[in-house]
Amino acid sequence: MSYAPVLPEVRATRWLLAMLVSALSTVAQASDAESWRVWLDAKFLGAASTQPIPGAERTVLVAGLLEAGELRAFTAAEWTALGTTWGDFAKRARTNAATELASLKPEYTRNAKKVIEHAVMKSEEPIVSATVLAPGFRALFADTLGPKLIVVVPNRFTAYVFPHLVSSYRDYAPGVFADYRATAHPVSVEVFELSEGGLKATGAYEEP
């Protein structure tokens, strides 16, 4: 059996095509990396790529993409094909969420003495559950609520933020449950402490 030789021009064309595919792939990966997000989500949804949160029983961290204002979890195959570690992914994803955080403005509630009791972060897009993990989230409240926070994320559109040293967050159980139930994107009624050491669950709201 004889084989036809591969002409130099054909070899050159194949090489150029291979380089073009490689370059396009690199561009696509870079573009995808800008869309990487990690967010708090309900454990019962069963996302393929998750990480536990210390102390949490009902909530997990989910890896995925921000696409057209929606958070989409990776499939198992997509996560495997990504070829990265959770730590590297989460670092980039949290940094990316700064874009959405910058677009949100806290709504503060004050008591009768004009002291700020808590803040609410809301968006018409289901992105808030990712912004609470952005590097600048705690700094946003440092002058009003302090460096250590209590955070509740009943759905992807909403986050309640309280100062760590007060217990009034328990009074908001009816509103938290209402926000948790009245959405297609529920997250959790668990209560989280957010500090320099990271995020951890400290309890959960009980039915009012």
Protein backbone atom coordinates (compact mmCIF):
# COMPACT_ATOMS: atom_id res chain seq x y z
CA MET A 1 0.00 0.00 0.00
CA SER A 2 1.37 3.40 -0.99
CA TYR A 3 0.59 6.78 0.53
CA ALA A 4 0.45 10.11 -1.29
CA PRO A 5 2.93 12.60 0.11
CA VAL A 6 1.55 15.60 1.93
CA LEU A 7 2.51 18.71 -0.02
CA PRO A 8 4.30 21.54 1.82
CA GLU A 9 1.42 23.91 1.02
CA VAL A 10 -1.05 21.49 2.65
CA ARG A 11 1.14 21.19 5.73
CA ALA A 12 1.31 24.98 5.98
CA THR A 13 -2.46 25.30 5.62
CA ARG A 14 -3.06 22.70 8.31
CA TRP A 15 -0.62 24.43 10.63
CA LEU A 16 -2.29 27.80 10.09
CA LEU A 17 -5.71 26.27 10.75
CA ALA A 18 -4.44 24.65 13.92
CA MET A 19 -2.97 27.96 15.13
CA LEU A 20 -6.23 29.76 14.32
CA VAL A 21 -8.30 27.20 16.25
CA SER A 22 -5.91 27.48 19.19
CA ALA A 23 -6.10 31.28 19.17
CA LEU A 24 -9.88 31.27 18.98
CA SER A 25 -10.01 28.78 21.81
CA THR A 26 -7.79 31.01 23.95
CA VAL A 27 -9.98 34.03 23.25
CA ALA A 28 -13.11 32.04 24.07
CA GLN A 29 -11.64 30.82 27.34
CA ALA A 30 -10.66 34.36 28.33
CA SER A 31 -14.16 35.59 27.51
CA ASP A 32 -15.73 32.76 29.49
CA ALA A 33 -13.50 33.56 32.46
CA GLU A 34 -15.00 37.05 32.62
CA SER A 35 -18.41 35.40 33.02
CA TRP A 36 -17.35 33.08 35.84
CA ARG A 37 -19.41 33.51 38.98
CA VAL A 38 -19.85 31.72 42.30
CA TRP A 39 -22.95 32.25 44.38
CA LEU A 40 -25.02 31.04 47.31
CA ASP A 41 -27.79 28.67 46.28
CA ALA A 42 -30.24 26.17 47.70
CA LYS A 43 -28.67 22.77 48.30
CA PHE A 44 -31.84 20.94 47.24
CA LEU A 45 -31.44 22.24 43.67
CA GLY A 46 -28.63 19.71 43.23
CA ALA A 47 -26.17 21.74 41.16
CA ALA A 48 -23.31 19.65 39.76
CA SER A 49 -20.39 21.83 40.88
CA THR A 50 -20.69 22.96 44.48
CA GLN A 51 -18.67 23.56 47.61
CA PRO A 52 -19.96 23.41 51.19
CA ILE A 53 -20.20 26.46 53.44
CA PRO A 54 -18.95 25.94 57.00
CA GLY A 55 -21.90 25.29 59.29
CA ALA A 56 -24.52 25.37 56.52
CA GLU A 57 -27.05 22.59 56.07
CA ARG A 58 -29.32 24.02 53.37
CA THR A 59 -27.03 26.27 51.37
CA VAL A 60 -24.00 25.65 49.12
CA LEU A 61 -21.65 27.64 46.92
CA VAL A 62 -22.29 27.01 43.22
CA ALA A 63 -19.92 27.50 40.28
CA GLY A 64 -21.24 28.71 36.96
CA LEU A 65 -21.59 31.60 34.53
CA LEU A 66 -23.37 34.92 34.35
CA GLU A 67 -25.23 34.89 31.04
CA ALA A 68 -27.56 37.73 30.00
CA GLY A 69 -28.14 38.70 33.62
CA GLU A 70 -28.84 35.13 34.76
CA LEU A 71 -26.68 32.82 36.86
CA ARG A 72 -26.32 29.39 35.25
CA ALA A 73 -24.65 26.52 37.08
CA PHE A 74 -22.10 24.41 35.24
CA THR A 75 -23.00 20.87 34.30
CA ALA A 76 -20.63 18.17 35.56
CA ALA A 77 -19.12 17.88 32.07
CA GLU A 78 -18.61 21.65 31.77
CA TRP A 79 -16.89 21.83 35.14
CA THR A 80 -14.57 18.93 34.28
CA ALA A 81 -13.73 20.45 30.89
CA LEU A 82 -12.81 23.71 32.56
CA GLY A 83 -9.72 22.04 34.03
CA THR A 84 -9.30 24.34 37.01
CA THR A 85 -9.42 24.05 40.77
CA TRP A 86 -12.27 25.37 42.89
CA GLY A 87 -9.90 27.80 44.61
CA ASP A 88 -8.64 29.35 41.38
CA PHE A 89 -12.14 29.49 39.93
CA ALA A 90 -13.68 31.07 43.02
CA LYS A 91 -10.95 33.72 43.26
CA ARG A 92 -11.60 34.90 39.71
CA ALA A 93 -15.38 34.52 40.02
CA ARG A 94 -15.58 36.59 43.22
CA THR A 95 -13.50 39.34 41.63
CA ASN A 96 -15.78 39.34 38.59
CA ALA A 97 -18.82 39.90 40.83
CA ALA A 98 -17.48 43.34 41.71
CA THR A 99 -19.07 44.54 38.47
CA GLU A 100 -22.57 43.69 39.71
CA LEU A 101 -21.82 44.92 43.23
CA ALA A 102 -20.92 48.35 41.86
CA SER A 103 -24.33 48.58 40.20
CA LEU A 104 -26.25 48.04 43.46
CA LYS A 105 -27.12 50.57 46.15
CA PRO A 106 -27.93 49.47 49.70
CA GLU A 107 -31.32 50.50 51.08
CA TYR A 108 -30.92 51.34 54.78
CA THR A 109 -33.55 51.05 57.51
CA ARG A 110 -33.24 53.18 60.65
CA ASN A 111 -34.96 52.83 64.01
CA ALA A 112 -36.78 55.53 65.95
CA LYS A 113 -33.43 56.91 67.14
CA LYS A 114 -32.23 57.22 63.52
CA VAL A 115 -29.69 54.46 64.05
CA ILE A 116 -29.19 52.17 61.05
CA GLU A 117 -30.61 48.72 61.83
CA HIS A 118 -29.89 46.94 58.57
CA ALA A 119 -29.52 47.26 54.84
CA VAL A 120 -31.16 45.45 51.94
CA MET A 121 -29.48 44.77 48.61
CA LYS A 122 -31.92 44.23 45.77
CA SER A 123 -31.76 43.80 42.02
CA GLU A 124 -34.26 43.12 39.26
CA GLU A 125 -31.79 40.53 37.99
CA PRO A 126 -30.98 37.37 40.00
CA ILE A 127 -27.37 38.37 40.75
CA VAL A 128 -27.33 39.46 44.41
CA SER A 129 -26.48 36.01 45.73
CA ALA A 130 -23.16 36.34 43.87
CA THR A 131 -22.40 39.93 44.92
CA VAL A 132 -22.31 39.04 48.62
CA LEU A 133 -19.14 37.07 47.83
CA ALA A 134 -17.42 39.93 46.00
CA PRO A 135 -14.18 41.16 47.67
CA GLY A 136 -15.64 44.66 48.24
CA PHE A 137 -18.92 43.61 49.84
CA ARG A 138 -17.85 43.95 53.49
CA ALA A 139 -16.06 47.23 52.80
CA LEU A 140 -19.30 48.66 51.44
CA PHE A 141 -20.81 48.44 54.93
CA ALA A 142 -17.73 49.05 57.09
CA ASP A 143 -18.72 52.62 58.02
CA THR A 144 -22.40 51.86 58.63
CA LEU A 145 -22.72 48.31 59.95
CA GLY A 146 -19.17 47.43 60.96
CA PRO A 147 -16.49 45.03 59.70
CA LYS A 148 -18.32 41.85 60.70
CA LEU A 149 -21.78 41.27 59.23
CA ILE A 150 -24.83 39.07 59.48
CA VAL A 151 -26.08 38.23 55.97
CA VAL A 152 -29.28 36.51 54.89
CA VAL A 153 -29.90 35.66 51.22
CA PRO A 154 -33.51 34.43 50.81
CA ASN A 155 -33.32 34.50 47.01
CA ARG A 156 -30.94 35.43 44.22
CA PHE A 157 -32.43 38.93 43.98
CA THR A 158 -32.17 39.92 47.65
CA ALA A 159 -29.77 40.07 50.60
CA TYR A 160 -30.39 41.40 54.10
CA VAL A 161 -27.31 42.79 55.85
CA PHE A 162 -27.15 43.39 59.61
CA PRO A 163 -24.44 44.51 62.03
CA HIS A 164 -22.96 41.53 63.83
CA LEU A 165 -23.44 42.86 67.35
CA VAL A 166 -27.23 43.21 67.30
CA SER A 167 -29.94 40.55 67.44
CA SER A 168 -32.72 42.48 65.68
CA TYR A 169 -32.23 40.38 62.55
CA ARG A 170 -34.49 37.78 64.16
CA ASP A 171 -37.39 40.23 63.93
CA TYR A 172 -37.29 40.06 60.14
CA ALA A 173 -38.30 36.41 59.89
CA PRO A 174 -41.69 37.11 58.21
CA GLY A 175 -40.06 39.17 55.45
CA VAL A 176 -37.28 36.66 54.92
CA PHE A 177 -39.72 33.78 54.54
CA ALA A 178 -41.88 35.86 52.18
CA ASP A 179 -38.87 36.63 49.99
CA TYR A 180 -37.77 33.00 50.09
CA ARG A 181 -41.14 31.69 48.91
CA ALA A 182 -42.18 34.34 46.41
CA THR A 183 -39.53 33.63 43.78
CA ALA A 184 -38.42 31.17 41.14
CA HIS A 185 -34.87 31.43 42.54
CA PRO A 186 -35.00 30.67 46.28
CA VAL A 187 -31.70 30.41 48.15
CA SER A 188 -31.98 29.94 51.90
CA VAL A 189 -33.36 31.08 55.26
CA GLU A 190 -30.03 30.29 56.91
CA VAL A 191 -28.16 33.09 58.69
CA PHE A 192 -24.51 33.73 57.81
CA GLU A 193 -21.66 35.53 59.47
CA LEU A 194 -19.40 37.34 57.02
CA SER A 195 -16.06 38.46 58.39
CA GLU A 196 -12.41 38.74 57.43
CA GLY A 197 -12.24 34.98 57.98
CA GLY A 198 -14.89 34.32 55.34
CA LEU A 199 -18.47 33.09 55.32
CA LYS A 200 -20.02 30.65 57.79
CA ALA A 201 -23.56 29.72 58.79
CA THR A 202 -24.58 30.47 62.36
CA GLY A 203 -28.21 29.32 62.36
CA ALA A 204 -31.48 29.63 60.48
CA TYR A 205 -34.76 31.47 60.76
CA GLU A 206 -37.65 29.59 62.29
CA GLU A 207 -41.19 29.80 60.99
CA PRO A 208 -42.82 32.96 62.46
